[in-house]
């Protein structure tokens, strides 16, 4: 079983650590209301020389549509290295969505302030 770990921050939000193949890491808010892959801040995307793809429509939780840039990130996630299409944000917060959690078991432990994402073999 492969495991990705995280923590509960001071705002009681589940945070998961995402690592790129180049070794760069970023803390992402685990957002089960976001059905996409990952949203990363523009500065992080540019600093890691990610390939920009173009623009796409993203639907927010309140069904509001907005246009957002997309890019390719090379990630090391749950024992696998692969390319994934991500969204580029003008905000500082990084978000990981449920598309990255398919076939996984997510455990959010508020008592011990930990987050674990397990992928069975």
PDB file of N, CA and C in Angstrom:
ATOM      1  N   UNK A   1       0.848  -1.179   0.000  1.00  0.00           N
ATOM      2  CA  UNK A   1       0.000   0.000   0.000  1.00  0.00           C
ATOM      3  C   UNK A   1       0.892   1.240   0.000  1.00  0.00           C
ATOM      4  N   UNK A   2       0.575   2.186  -0.859  1.00  0.00           N
ATOM      5  CA  UNK A   2       1.296   3.452  -0.903  1.00  0.00           C
ATOM      6  C   UNK A   2       0.517   4.474  -0.097  1.00  0.00           C
ATOM      7  N   UNK A   3       1.246   5.384   0.575  1.00  0.00           N
ATOM      8  CA  UNK A   3       0.581   6.370   1.421  1.00  0.00           C
ATOM      9  C   UNK A   3       1.163   7.758   1.184  1.00  0.00           C
ATOM     10  N   UNK A   4       0.269   8.740   1.140  1.00  0.00           N
ATOM     11  CA  UNK A   4       0.634  10.150   1.078  1.00  0.00           C
ATOM     12  C   UNK A   4       0.126  10.763   2.372  1.00  0.00           C
ATOM     13  N   UNK A   5       0.981  11.508   3.068  1.00  0.00           N
ATOM     14  CA  UNK A   5       0.603  12.044   4.371  1.00  0.00           C
ATOM     15  C   UNK A   5       0.389  13.544   4.329  1.00  0.00           C
ATOM     16  N   UNK A   6      -0.302  14.005   5.352  1.00  0.00           N
ATOM     17  CA  UNK A   6      -0.548  15.427   5.511  1.00  0.00           C
ATOM     18  C   UNK A   6      -0.876  15.733   6.950  1.00  0.00           C
ATOM     19  N   UNK A   7      -1.474  16.889   7.153  1.00  0.00           N
ATOM     20  CA  UNK A   7      -1.780  17.329   8.511  1.00  0.00           C
ATOM     21  C   UNK A   7      -3.023  18.205   8.514  1.00  0.00           C
ATOM     22  N   UNK A   8      -3.556  18.415   9.693  1.00  0.00           N
ATOM     23  CA  UNK A   8      -4.638  19.375   9.891  1.00  0.00           C
ATOM     24  C   UNK A   8      -3.971  20.679  10.316  1.00  0.00           C
ATOM     25  N   UNK A   9      -4.231  21.773   9.599  1.00  0.00           N
ATOM     26  CA  UNK A   9      -3.579  23.035   9.949  1.00  0.00           C
ATOM     27  C   UNK A   9      -4.329  23.754  11.073  1.00  0.00           C
ATOM     28  N   UNK A  10      -3.857  24.939  11.443  1.00  0.00           N
ATOM     29  CA  UNK A  10      -4.455  25.700  12.546  1.00  0.00           C
ATOM     30  C   UNK A  10      -5.879  26.149  12.252  1.00  0.00           C
ATOM     31  N   UNK A  11      -6.261  26.183  10.977  1.00  0.00           N
ATOM     32  CA  UNK A  11      -7.627  26.543  10.587  1.00  0.00           C
ATOM     33  C   UNK A  11      -8.518  25.314  10.449  1.00  0.00           C
ATOM     34  N   UNK A  12      -8.023  24.164  10.942  1.00  0.00           N
ATOM     35  CA  UNK A  12      -8.733  22.879  10.897  1.00  0.00           C
ATOM     36  C   UNK A  12      -8.996  22.402   9.469  1.00  0.00           C
ATOM     37  N   UNK A  13      -8.093  22.726   8.562  1.00  0.00           N
ATOM     38  CA  UNK A  13      -8.193  22.293   7.172  1.00  0.00           C
ATOM     39  C   UNK A  13      -7.226  21.136   6.922  1.00  0.00           C
ATOM     40  N   UNK A  14      -7.661  20.120   6.173  1.00  0.00           N
ATOM     41  CA  UNK A  14      -6.748  19.023   5.827  1.00  0.00           C
ATOM     42  C   UNK A  14      -5.779  19.466   4.729  1.00  0.00           C
ATOM     43  N   UNK A  15      -4.492  19.312   5.006  1.00  0.00           N
ATOM     44  CA  UNK A  15      -3.440  19.711   4.080  1.00  0.00           C
ATOM     45  C   UNK A  15      -2.651  18.468   3.679  1.00  0.00           C
ATOM     46  N   UNK A  16      -2.426  18.303   2.382  1.00  0.00           N
ATOM     47  CA  UNK A  16      -1.693  17.154   1.854  1.00  0.00           C
ATOM     48  C   UNK A  16      -0.450  17.674   1.136  1.00  0.00           C
ATOM     49  N   UNK A  17       0.655  16.975   1.291  1.00  0.00           N
ATOM     50  CA  UNK A  17       1.910  17.357   0.662  1.00  0.00           C
ATOM     51  C   UNK A  17       1.991  16.724  -0.727  1.00  0.00           C
ATOM     52  N   UNK A  18       2.176  17.549  -1.743  1.00  0.00           N
ATOM     53  CA  UNK A  18       2.297  17.071  -3.117  1.00  0.00           C
ATOM     54  C   UNK A  18       3.724  17.336  -3.583  1.00  0.00           C
ATOM     55  N   UNK A  19       4.337  16.313  -4.179  1.00  0.00           N
ATOM     56  CA  UNK A  19       5.722  16.413  -4.632  1.00  0.00           C
ATOM     57  C   UNK A  19       5.787  16.274  -6.146  1.00  0.00           C
ATOM     58  N   UNK A  20       6.535  17.173  -6.761  1.00  0.00           N
ATOM     59  CA  UNK A  20       6.781  17.079  -8.191  1.00  0.00           C
ATOM     60  C   UNK A  20       7.956  16.145  -8.440  1.00  0.00           C
ATOM     61  N   UNK A  21       8.070  15.649  -9.661  1.00  0.00           N
ATOM     62  CA  UNK A  21       9.170  14.765 -10.019  1.00  0.00           C
ATOM     63  C   UNK A  21      10.515  15.476  -9.848  1.00  0.00           C
ATOM     64  N   UNK A  22      10.529  16.808 -10.035  1.00  0.00           N
ATOM     65  CA  UNK A  22      11.783  17.557  -9.892  1.00  0.00           C
ATOM     66  C   UNK A  22      12.183  17.767  -8.429  1.00  0.00           C
ATOM     67  N   UNK A  23      11.365  17.296  -7.483  1.00  0.00           N
ATOM     68  CA  UNK A  23      11.677  17.408  -6.065  1.00  0.00           C
ATOM     69  C   UNK A  23      10.968  18.540  -5.350  1.00  0.00           C
ATOM     70  N   UNK A  24      10.392  19.484  -6.082  1.00  0.00           N
ATOM     71  CA  UNK A  24       9.661  20.587  -5.456  1.00  0.00           C
ATOM     72  C   UNK A  24       8.416  20.044  -4.756  1.00  0.00           C
ATOM     73  N   UNK A  25       8.072  20.638  -3.623  1.00  0.00           N
ATOM     74  CA  UNK A  25       6.880  20.222  -2.889  1.00  0.00           C
ATOM     75  C   UNK A  25       5.991  21.423  -2.614  1.00  0.00           C
ATOM     76  N   UNK A  26       4.717  21.148  -2.419  1.00  0.00           N
ATOM     77  CA  UNK A  26       3.766  22.193  -2.071  1.00  0.00           C
ATOM     78  C   UNK A  26       2.678  21.579  -1.203  1.00  0.00           C
ATOM     79  N   UNK A  27       2.210  22.350  -0.242  1.00  0.00           N
ATOM     80  CA  UNK A  27       1.106  21.925   0.614  1.00  0.00           C
ATOM     81  C   UNK A  27      -0.201  22.298  -0.066  1.00  0.00           C
ATOM     82  N   UNK A  28      -1.100  21.327  -0.217  1.00  0.00           N
ATOM     83  CA  UNK A  28      -2.381  21.545  -0.892  1.00  0.00           C
ATOM     84  C   UNK A  28      -3.538  21.288   0.062  1.00  0.00           C
ATOM     85  N   UNK A  29      -4.517  22.169   0.030  1.00  0.00           N
ATOM     86  CA  UNK A  29      -5.759  21.960   0.763  1.00  0.00           C
ATOM     87  C   UNK A  29      -6.508  20.807   0.110  1.00  0.00           C
ATOM     88  N   UNK A  30      -6.898  19.821   0.882  1.00  0.00           N
ATOM     89  CA  UNK A  30      -7.691  18.697   0.382  1.00  0.00           C
ATOM     90  C   UNK A  30      -9.146  19.152   0.326  1.00  0.00           C
ATOM     91  N   UNK A  31      -9.671  19.314  -0.888  1.00  0.00           N
ATOM     92  CA  UNK A  31     -11.007  19.865  -1.089  1.00  0.00           C
ATOM     93  C   UNK A  31     -11.888  18.832  -1.784  1.00  0.00           C
ATOM     94  N   UNK A  32     -12.730  18.152  -1.011  1.00  0.00           N
ATOM     95  CA  UNK A  32     -13.606  17.128  -1.589  1.00  0.00           C
ATOM     96  C   UNK A  32     -14.753  17.735  -2.392  1.00  0.00           C
ATOM     97  N   UNK A  33     -14.893  19.049  -2.365  1.00  0.00           N
ATOM     98  CA  UNK A  33     -15.886  19.721  -3.189  1.00  0.00           C
ATOM     99  C   UNK A  33     -15.364  20.065  -4.573  1.00  0.00           C
ATOM    100  N   UNK A  34     -14.074  19.856  -4.792  1.00  0.00           N
ATOM    101  CA  UNK A  34     -13.438  20.133  -6.082  1.00  0.00           C
ATOM    102  C   UNK A  34     -13.231  18.810  -6.798  1.00  0.00           C
ATOM    103  N   UNK A  35     -13.907  18.614  -7.933  1.00  0.00           N
ATOM    104  CA  UNK A  35     -13.840  17.323  -8.619  1.00  0.00           C
ATOM    105  C   UNK A  35     -12.695  17.227  -9.623  1.00  0.00           C
ATOM    106  N   UNK A  36     -11.820  18.222  -9.651  1.00  0.00           N
ATOM    107  CA  UNK A  36     -10.683  18.208 -10.562  1.00  0.00           C
ATOM    108  C   UNK A  36      -9.447  17.595  -9.936  1.00  0.00           C
ATOM    109  N   UNK A  37      -8.291  17.895 -10.525  1.00  0.00           N
ATOM    110  CA  UNK A  37      -7.021  17.329 -10.076  1.00  0.00           C
ATOM    111  C   UNK A  37      -6.373  18.225  -9.032  1.00  0.00           C
ATOM    112  N   UNK A  38      -5.641  19.224  -9.494  1.00  0.00           N
ATOM    113  CA  UNK A  38      -4.882  20.104  -8.607  1.00  0.00           C
ATOM    114  C   UNK A  38      -4.978  21.533  -9.132  1.00  0.00           C
ATOM    115  N   UNK A  39      -5.088  22.481  -8.218  1.00  0.00           N
ATOM    116  CA  UNK A  39      -4.979  23.903  -8.541  1.00  0.00           C
ATOM    117  C   UNK A  39      -3.697  24.396  -7.878  1.00  0.00           C
ATOM    118  N   UNK A  40      -2.813  24.989  -8.677  1.00  0.00           N
ATOM    119  CA  UNK A  40      -1.539  25.476  -8.147  1.00  0.00           C
ATOM    120  C   UNK A  40      -1.385  26.970  -8.407  1.00  0.00           C
ATOM    121  N   UNK A  41      -0.731  27.678  -7.483  1.00  0.00           N
ATOM    122  CA  UNK A  41      -0.481  29.109  -7.688  1.00  0.00           C
ATOM    123  C   UNK A  41       0.430  29.349  -8.895  1.00  0.00           C
ATOM    124  N   UNK A  42       0.152  30.423  -9.611  1.00  0.00           N
ATOM    125  CA  UNK A  42       0.929  30.757 -10.807  1.00  0.00           C
ATOM    126  C   UNK A  42       2.430  30.822 -10.508  1.00  0.00           C
ATOM    127  N   UNK A  43       2.826  31.434  -9.394  1.00  0.00           N
ATOM    128  CA  UNK A  43       4.253  31.535  -9.062  1.00  0.00           C
ATOM    129  C   UNK A  43       4.904  30.156  -8.988  1.00  0.00           C
ATOM    130  N   UNK A  44       4.219  29.192  -8.350  1.00  0.00           N
ATOM    131  CA  UNK A  44       4.760  27.841  -8.224  1.00  0.00           C
ATOM    132  C   UNK A  44       4.871  27.184  -9.602  1.00  0.00           C
ATOM    133  N   UNK A  45       3.850  27.367 -10.426  1.00  0.00           N
ATOM    134  CA  UNK A  45       3.849  26.799 -11.785  1.00  0.00           C
ATOM    135  C   UNK A  45       5.016  27.368 -12.593  1.00  0.00           C
ATOM    136  N   UNK A  46       5.180  28.683 -12.553  1.00  0.00           N
ATOM    137  CA  UNK A  46       6.252  29.322 -13.327  1.00  0.00           C
ATOM    138  C   UNK A  46       7.631  28.968 -12.781  1.00  0.00           C
ATOM    139  N   UNK A  47       7.785  28.941 -11.455  1.00  0.00           N
ATOM    140  CA  UNK A  47       9.082  28.609 -10.850  1.00  0.00           C
ATOM    141  C   UNK A  47       9.517  27.181 -11.163  1.00  0.00           C
ATOM    142  N   UNK A  48       8.559  26.313 -11.483  1.00  0.00           N
ATOM    143  CA  UNK A  48       8.871  24.922 -11.801  1.00  0.00           C
ATOM    144  C   UNK A  48       8.748  24.623 -13.292  1.00  0.00           C
ATOM    145  N   UNK A  49       8.700  25.672 -14.096  1.00  0.00           N
ATOM    146  CA  UNK A  49       8.735  25.579 -15.564  1.00  0.00           C
ATOM    147  C   UNK A  49       7.734  24.575 -16.127  1.00  0.00           C
ATOM    148  N   UNK A  50       6.499  24.629 -15.621  1.00  0.00           N
ATOM    149  CA  UNK A  50       5.466  23.726 -16.132  1.00  0.00           C
ATOM    150  C   UNK A  50       4.988  24.198 -17.501  1.00  0.00           C
ATOM    151  N   UNK A  51       4.663  23.253 -18.352  1.00  0.00           N
ATOM    152  CA  UNK A  51       4.183  23.542 -19.697  1.00  0.00           C
ATOM    153  C   UNK A  51       2.753  24.070 -19.628  1.00  0.00           C
ATOM    154  N   UNK A  52       2.544  25.287 -20.107  1.00  0.00           N
ATOM    155  CA  UNK A  52       1.206  25.870 -20.137  1.00  0.00           C
ATOM    156  C   UNK A  52       0.450  25.296 -21.337  1.00  0.00           C
ATOM    157  N   UNK A  53      -0.823  24.941 -21.115  1.00  0.00           N
ATOM    158  CA  UNK A  53      -1.629  24.313 -22.168  1.00  0.00           C
ATOM    159  C   UNK A  53      -2.615  25.257 -22.828  1.00  0.00           C
ATOM    160  N   UNK A  54      -3.195  26.155 -22.068  1.00  0.00           N
ATOM    161  CA  UNK A  54      -4.243  27.018 -22.588  1.00  0.00           C
ATOM    162  C   UNK A  54      -5.235  27.334 -21.490  1.00  0.00           C
ATOM    163  N   UNK A  55      -6.487  27.527 -21.880  1.00  0.00           N
ATOM    164  CA  UNK A  55      -7.519  27.896 -20.908  1.00  0.00           C
ATOM    165  C   UNK A  55      -8.641  26.861 -20.935  1.00  0.00           C
ATOM    166  N   UNK A  56      -9.346  26.769 -19.805  1.00  0.00           N
ATOM    167  CA  UNK A  56     -10.454  25.824 -19.679  1.00  0.00           C
ATOM    168  C   UNK A  56     -11.516  26.473 -18.801  1.00  0.00           C
ATOM    169  N   UNK A  57     -12.690  25.895 -18.791  1.00  0.00           N
ATOM    170  CA  UNK A  57     -13.769  26.372 -17.931  1.00  0.00           C
ATOM    171  C   UNK A  57     -13.790  25.512 -16.671  1.00  0.00           C
ATOM    172  N   UNK A  58     -13.798  26.166 -15.526  1.00  0.00           N
ATOM    173  CA  UNK A  58     -13.880  25.486 -14.234  1.00  0.00           C
ATOM    174  C   UNK A  58     -15.191  25.896 -13.588  1.00  0.00           C
ATOM    175  N   UNK A  59     -15.902  24.933 -13.016  1.00  0.00           N
ATOM    176  CA  UNK A  59     -17.175  25.216 -12.357  1.00  0.00           C
ATOM    177  C   UNK A  59     -16.948  25.174 -10.855  1.00  0.00           C
ATOM    178  N   UNK A  60     -17.199  26.304 -10.189  1.00  0.00           N
ATOM    179  CA  UNK A  60     -17.017  26.409  -8.743  1.00  0.00           C
ATOM    180  C   UNK A  60     -18.168  25.718  -8.020  1.00  0.00           C
ATOM    181  N   UNK A  61     -18.013  25.553  -6.717  1.00  0.00           N
ATOM    182  CA  UNK A  61     -18.996  24.830  -5.907  1.00  0.00           C
ATOM    183  C   UNK A  61     -20.399  25.402  -6.049  1.00  0.00           C
ATOM    184  N   UNK A  62     -20.513  26.700  -6.211  1.00  0.00           N
ATOM    185  CA  UNK A  62     -21.835  27.320  -6.344  1.00  0.00           C
ATOM    186  C   UNK A  62     -22.303  27.376  -7.797  1.00  0.00           C
ATOM    187  N   UNK A  63     -21.733  26.488  -8.644  1.00  0.00           N
ATOM    188  CA  UNK A  63     -22.076  26.341 -10.060  1.00  0.00           C
ATOM    189  C   UNK A  63     -21.724  27.568 -10.894  1.00  0.00           C
ATOM    190  N   UNK A  64     -20.850  28.419 -10.378  1.00  0.00           N
ATOM    191  CA  UNK A  64     -20.378  29.564 -11.143  1.00  0.00           C
ATOM    192  C   UNK A  64     -19.223  29.119 -12.034  1.00  0.00           C
ATOM    193  N   UNK A  65     -19.313  29.432 -13.321  1.00  0.00           N
ATOM    194  CA  UNK A  65     -18.267  29.061 -14.268  1.00  0.00           C
ATOM    195  C   UNK A  65     -17.266  30.196 -14.400  1.00  0.00           C
ATOM    196  N   UNK A  66     -15.982  29.831 -14.486  1.00  0.00           N
ATOM    197  CA  UNK A  66     -14.979  30.836 -14.802  1.00  0.00           C
ATOM    198  C   UNK A  66     -13.854  30.201 -15.599  1.00  0.00           C
ATOM    199  N   UNK A  67     -13.201  31.041 -16.387  1.00  0.00           N
ATOM    200  CA  UNK A  67     -12.119  30.576 -17.247  1.00  0.00           C
ATOM    201  C   UNK A  67     -10.814  30.591 -16.462  1.00  0.00           C
ATOM    202  N   UNK A  68     -10.007  29.537 -16.634  1.00  0.00           N
ATOM    203  CA  UNK A  68      -8.762  29.406 -15.885  1.00  0.00           C
ATOM    204  C   UNK A  68      -7.713  28.752 -16.781  1.00  0.00           C
ATOM    205  N   UNK A  69      -6.460  29.138 -16.586  1.00  0.00           N
ATOM    206  CA  UNK A  69      -5.374  28.542 -17.364  1.00  0.00           C
ATOM    207  C   UNK A  69      -5.071  27.137 -16.870  1.00  0.00           C
ATOM    208  N   UNK A  70      -4.559  26.313 -17.778  1.00  0.00           N
ATOM    209  CA  UNK A  70      -4.169  24.951 -17.423  1.00  0.00           C
ATOM    210  C   UNK A  70      -2.706  24.729 -17.800  1.00  0.00           C
ATOM    211  N   UNK A  71      -2.105  23.745 -17.135  1.00  0.00           N
ATOM    212  CA  UNK A  71      -0.701  23.406 -17.384  1.00  0.00           C
ATOM    213  C   UNK A  71      -0.513  21.919 -17.115  1.00  0.00           C
ATOM    214  N   UNK A  72       0.678  21.423 -17.413  1.00  0.00           N
ATOM    215  CA  UNK A  72       1.034  20.034 -17.125  1.00  0.00           C
ATOM    216  C   UNK A  72       2.013  20.018 -15.956  1.00  0.00           C
ATOM    217  N   UNK A  73       1.689  19.241 -14.931  1.00  0.00           N
ATOM    218  CA  UNK A  73       2.598  19.028 -13.801  1.00  0.00           C
ATOM    219  C   UNK A  73       3.060  17.579 -13.836  1.00  0.00           C
ATOM    220  N   UNK A  74       4.323  17.370 -13.527  1.00  0.00           N
ATOM    221  CA  UNK A  74       4.857  16.013 -13.398  1.00  0.00           C
ATOM    222  C   UNK A  74       4.958  15.723 -11.907  1.00  0.00           C
ATOM    223  N   UNK A  75       4.118  14.806 -11.425  1.00  0.00           N
ATOM    224  CA  UNK A  75       4.012  14.569  -9.988  1.00  0.00           C
ATOM    225  C   UNK A  75       4.491  13.173  -9.599  1.00  0.00           C
ATOM    226  N   UNK A  76       4.904  13.080  -8.362  1.00  0.00           N
ATOM    227  CA  UNK A  76       5.206  11.810  -7.715  1.00  0.00           C
ATOM    228  C   UNK A  76       4.097  11.638  -6.684  1.00  0.00           C
ATOM    229  N   UNK A  77       3.139  10.765  -6.972  1.00  0.00           N
ATOM    230  CA  UNK A  77       1.921  10.683  -6.162  1.00  0.00           C
ATOM    231  C   UNK A  77       1.579   9.224  -5.895  1.00  0.00           C
ATOM    232  N   UNK A  78       1.544   8.856  -4.646  1.00  0.00           N
ATOM    233  CA  UNK A  78       1.145   7.518  -4.216  1.00  0.00           C
ATOM    234  C   UNK A  78       1.930   6.415  -4.933  1.00  0.00           C
ATOM    235  N   UNK A  79       3.238   6.618  -5.026  1.00  0.00           N
ATOM    236  CA  UNK A  79       4.109   5.601  -5.600  1.00  0.00           C
ATOM    237  C   UNK A  79       4.249   5.630  -7.106  1.00  0.00           C
ATOM    238  N   UNK A  80       3.545   6.521  -7.763  1.00  0.00           N
ATOM    239  CA  UNK A  80       3.614   6.626  -9.221  1.00  0.00           C
ATOM    240  C   UNK A  80       4.137   7.996  -9.636  1.00  0.00           C
ATOM    241  N   UNK A  81       4.847   8.037 -10.748  1.00  0.00           N
ATOM    242  CA  UNK A  81       5.261   9.294 -11.358  1.00  0.00           C
ATOM    243  C   UNK A  81       4.503   9.435 -12.671  1.00  0.00           C
ATOM    244  N   UNK A  82       3.834  10.574 -12.838  1.00  0.00           N
ATOM    245  CA  UNK A  82       3.041  10.769 -14.044  1.00  0.00           C
ATOM    246  C   UNK A  82       2.795  12.251 -14.287  1.00  0.00           C
ATOM    247  N   UNK A  83       2.329  12.554 -15.498  1.00  0.00           N
ATOM    248  CA  UNK A  83       1.931  13.909 -15.852  1.00  0.00           C
ATOM    249  C   UNK A  83       0.440  14.054 -15.616  1.00  0.00           C
ATOM    250  N   UNK A  84       0.054  15.226 -15.122  1.00  0.00           N
ATOM    251  CA  UNK A  84      -1.357  15.487 -14.866  1.00  0.00           C
ATOM    252  C   UNK A  84      -1.668  16.931 -15.263  1.00  0.00           C
ATOM    253  N   UNK A  85      -2.842  17.113 -15.857  1.00  0.00           N
ATOM    254  CA  UNK A  85      -3.289  18.468 -16.202  1.00  0.00           C
ATOM    255  C   UNK A  85      -3.763  19.157 -14.934  1.00  0.00           C
ATOM    256  N   UNK A  86      -3.219  20.335 -14.664  1.00  0.00           N
ATOM    257  CA  UNK A  86      -3.592  21.079 -13.460  1.00  0.00           C
ATOM    258  C   UNK A  86      -4.156  22.441 -13.871  1.00  0.00           C
ATOM    259  N   UNK A  87      -4.748  23.111 -12.902  1.00  0.00           N
ATOM    260  CA  UNK A  87      -5.275  24.453 -13.111  1.00  0.00           C
ATOM    261  C   UNK A  87      -4.329  25.453 -12.460  1.00  0.00           C
ATOM    262  N   UNK A  88      -4.185  26.619 -13.092  1.00  0.00           N
ATOM    263  CA  UNK A  88      -3.265  27.651 -12.615  1.00  0.00           C
ATOM    264  C   UNK A  88      -4.073  28.780 -11.985  1.00  0.00           C
ATOM    265  N   UNK A  89      -3.787  29.065 -10.715  1.00  0.00           N
ATOM    266  CA  UNK A  89      -4.535  30.061  -9.960  1.00  0.00           C
ATOM    267  C   UNK A  89      -3.720  31.336  -9.767  1.00  0.00           C
ATOM    268  N   UNK A  90      -4.409  32.435  -9.672  1.00  0.00           N
ATOM    269  CA  UNK A  90      -3.765  33.712  -9.350  1.00  0.00           C
ATOM    270  C   UNK A  90      -3.655  33.889  -7.836  1.00  0.00           C
ATOM    271  N   UNK A  91      -4.196  32.961  -7.063  1.00  0.00           N
ATOM    272  CA  UNK A  91      -4.150  33.026  -5.600  1.00  0.00           C
ATOM    273  C   UNK A  91      -2.980  32.196  -5.081  1.00  0.00           C
ATOM    274  N   UNK A  92      -2.656  32.370  -3.800  1.00  0.00           N
ATOM    275  CA  UNK A  92      -1.521  31.668  -3.192  1.00  0.00           C
ATOM    276  C   UNK A  92      -1.849  30.248  -2.758  1.00  0.00           C
ATOM    277  N   UNK A  93      -3.127  29.935  -2.584  1.00  0.00           N
ATOM    278  CA  UNK A  93      -3.502  28.629  -2.047  1.00  0.00           C
ATOM    279  C   UNK A  93      -3.490  27.546  -3.129  1.00  0.00           C
ATOM    280  N   UNK A  94      -2.911  26.399  -2.784  1.00  0.00           N
ATOM    281  CA  UNK A  94      -2.931  25.229  -3.661  1.00  0.00           C
ATOM    282  C   UNK A  94      -4.025  24.286  -3.176  1.00  0.00           C
ATOM    283  N   UNK A  95      -4.704  23.619  -4.109  1.00  0.00           N
ATOM    284  CA  UNK A  95      -5.838  22.748  -3.779  1.00  0.00           C
ATOM    285  C   UNK A  95      -5.677  21.427  -4.516  1.00  0.00           C
ATOM    286  N   UNK A  96      -5.978  20.343  -3.825  1.00  0.00           N
ATOM    287  CA  UNK A  96      -6.009  19.029  -4.468  1.00  0.00           C
ATOM    288  C   UNK A  96      -7.446  18.528  -4.425  1.00  0.00           C
ATOM    289  N   UNK A  97      -7.926  18.059  -5.580  1.00  0.00           N
ATOM    290  CA  UNK A  97      -9.314  17.634  -5.692  1.00  0.00           C
ATOM    291  C   UNK A  97      -9.476  16.127  -5.738  1.00  0.00           C
ATOM    292  N   UNK A  98     -10.730  15.706  -5.809  1.00  0.00           N
ATOM    293  CA  UNK A  98     -11.057  14.288  -5.694  1.00  0.00           C
ATOM    294  C   UNK A  98     -10.596  13.450  -6.889  1.00  0.00           C
ATOM    295  N   UNK A  99     -10.316  14.066  -8.024  1.00  0.00           N
ATOM    296  CA  UNK A  99      -9.817  13.274  -9.155  1.00  0.00           C
ATOM    297  C   UNK A  99      -8.480  12.609  -8.814  1.00  0.00           C
ATOM    298  N   UNK A 100      -7.728  13.201  -7.888  1.00  0.00           N
ATOM    299  CA  UNK A 100      -6.452  12.622  -7.455  1.00  0.00           C
ATOM    300  C   UNK A 100      -6.655  11.545  -6.385  1.00  0.00           C
ATOM    301  N   UNK A 101      -7.883  11.359  -5.932  1.00  0.00           N
ATOM    302  CA  UNK A 101      -8.167  10.430  -4.834  1.00  0.00           C
ATOM    303  C   UNK A 101      -8.898   9.171  -5.277  1.00  0.00           C
ATOM    304  N   UNK A 102      -9.130   9.028  -6.575  1.00  0.00           N
ATOM    305  CA  UNK A 102      -9.833   7.854  -7.087  1.00  0.00           C
ATOM    306  C   UNK A 102      -9.060   6.598  -6.692  1.00  0.00           C
ATOM    307  N   UNK A 103      -9.770   5.570  -6.244  1.00  0.00           N
ATOM    308  CA  UNK A 103      -9.184   4.294  -5.805  1.00  0.00           C
ATOM    309  C   UNK A 103      -8.338   4.430  -4.543  1.00  0.00           C
ATOM    310  N   UNK A 104      -8.614   5.441  -3.736  1.00  0.00           N
ATOM    311  CA  UNK A 104      -7.843   5.672  -2.508  1.00  0.00           C
ATOM    312  C   UNK A 104      -8.746   5.640  -1.277  1.00  0.00           C
ATOM    313  N   UNK A 105      -8.099   5.465  -0.143  1.00  0.00           N
ATOM    314  CA  UNK A 105      -8.765   5.575   1.154  1.00  0.00           C
ATOM    315  C   UNK A 105      -8.213   6.826   1.818  1.00  0.00           C
ATOM    316  N   UNK A 106      -9.092   7.770   2.155  1.00  0.00           N
ATOM    317  CA  UNK A 106      -8.673   9.017   2.788  1.00  0.00           C
ATOM    318  C   UNK A 106      -9.077   8.978   4.257  1.00  0.00           C
ATOM    319  N   UNK A 107      -8.093   9.225   5.133  1.00  0.00           N
ATOM    320  CA  UNK A 107      -8.349   9.263   6.571  1.00  0.00           C
ATOM    321  C   UNK A 107      -7.967  10.642   7.091  1.00  0.00           C
ATOM    322  N   UNK A 108      -8.942  11.345   7.649  1.00  0.00           N
ATOM    323  CA  UNK A 108      -8.695  12.642   8.268  1.00  0.00           C
ATOM    324  C   UNK A 108      -8.904  12.459   9.766  1.00  0.00           C
ATOM    325  N   UNK A 109      -7.825  12.590  10.528  1.00  0.00           N
ATOM    326  CA  UNK A 109      -7.819  12.337  11.969  1.00  0.00           C
ATOM    327  C   UNK A 109      -7.649  13.665  12.704  1.00  0.00           C
ATOM    328  N   UNK A 110      -8.763  14.224  13.180  1.00  0.00           N
ATOM    329  CA  UNK A 110      -8.703  15.507  13.869  1.00  0.00           C
ATOM    330  C   UNK A 110      -8.111  15.379  15.271  1.00  0.00           C
ATOM    331  N   UNK A 111      -8.180  14.209  15.864  1.00  0.00           N
ATOM    332  CA  UNK A 111      -7.600  14.018  17.199  1.00  0.00           C
ATOM    333  C   UNK A 111      -6.082  14.158  17.135  1.00  0.00           C
ATOM    334  N   UNK A 112      -5.466  13.526  16.152  1.00  0.00           N
ATOM    335  CA  UNK A 112      -4.007  13.558  16.023  1.00  0.00           C
ATOM    336  C   UNK A 112      -3.510  14.552  14.974  1.00  0.00           C
ATOM    337  N   UNK A 113      -4.430  15.319  14.388  1.00  0.00           N
ATOM    338  CA  UNK A 113      -4.106  16.340  13.376  1.00  0.00           C
ATOM    339  C   UNK A 113      -3.336  15.770  12.188  1.00  0.00           C
ATOM    340  N   UNK A 114      -3.775  14.605  11.702  1.00  0.00           N
ATOM    341  CA  UNK A 114      -3.095  13.973  10.575  1.00  0.00           C
ATOM    342  C   UNK A 114      -4.069  13.686   9.434  1.00  0.00           C
ATOM    343  N   UNK A 115      -3.505  13.587   8.253  1.00  0.00           N
ATOM    344  CA  UNK A 115      -4.237  13.196   7.051  1.00  0.00           C
ATOM    345  C   UNK A 115      -3.433  12.087   6.394  1.00  0.00           C
ATOM    346  N   UNK A 116      -4.103  11.028   5.971  1.00  0.00           N
ATOM    347  CA  UNK A 116      -3.431   9.939   5.262  1.00  0.00           C
ATOM    348  C   UNK A 116      -4.266   9.558   4.050  1.00  0.00           C
ATOM    349  N   UNK A 117      -3.601   9.433   2.914  1.00  0.00           N
ATOM    350  CA  UNK A 117      -4.236   8.955   1.691  1.00  0.00           C
ATOM    351  C   UNK A 117      -3.531   7.660   1.333  1.00  0.00           C
ATOM    352  N   UNK A 118      -4.281   6.569   1.346  1.00  0.00           N
ATOM    353  CA  UNK A 118      -3.725   5.245   1.071  1.00  0.00           C
ATOM    354  C   UNK A 118      -4.242   4.733  -0.260  1.00  0.00           C
ATOM    355  N   UNK A 119      -3.326   4.146  -1.037  1.00  0.00           N
ATOM    356  CA  UNK A 119      -3.693   3.509  -2.301  1.00  0.00           C
ATOM    357  C   UNK A 119      -3.328   2.035  -2.185  1.00  0.00           C
ATOM    358  N   UNK A 120      -4.339   1.162  -2.085  1.00  0.00           N
ATOM    359  CA  UNK A 120      -4.061  -0.275  -2.000  1.00  0.00           C
ATOM    360  C   UNK A 120      -3.330  -0.760  -3.248  1.00  0.00           C
ATOM    361  N   UNK A 121      -2.536  -1.800  -3.080  1.00  0.00           N
ATOM    362  CA  UNK A 121      -1.783  -2.373  -4.209  1.00  0.00           C
ATOM    363  C   UNK A 121      -2.700  -3.070  -5.183  1.00  0.00           C
TER     364      UNK A 121
END
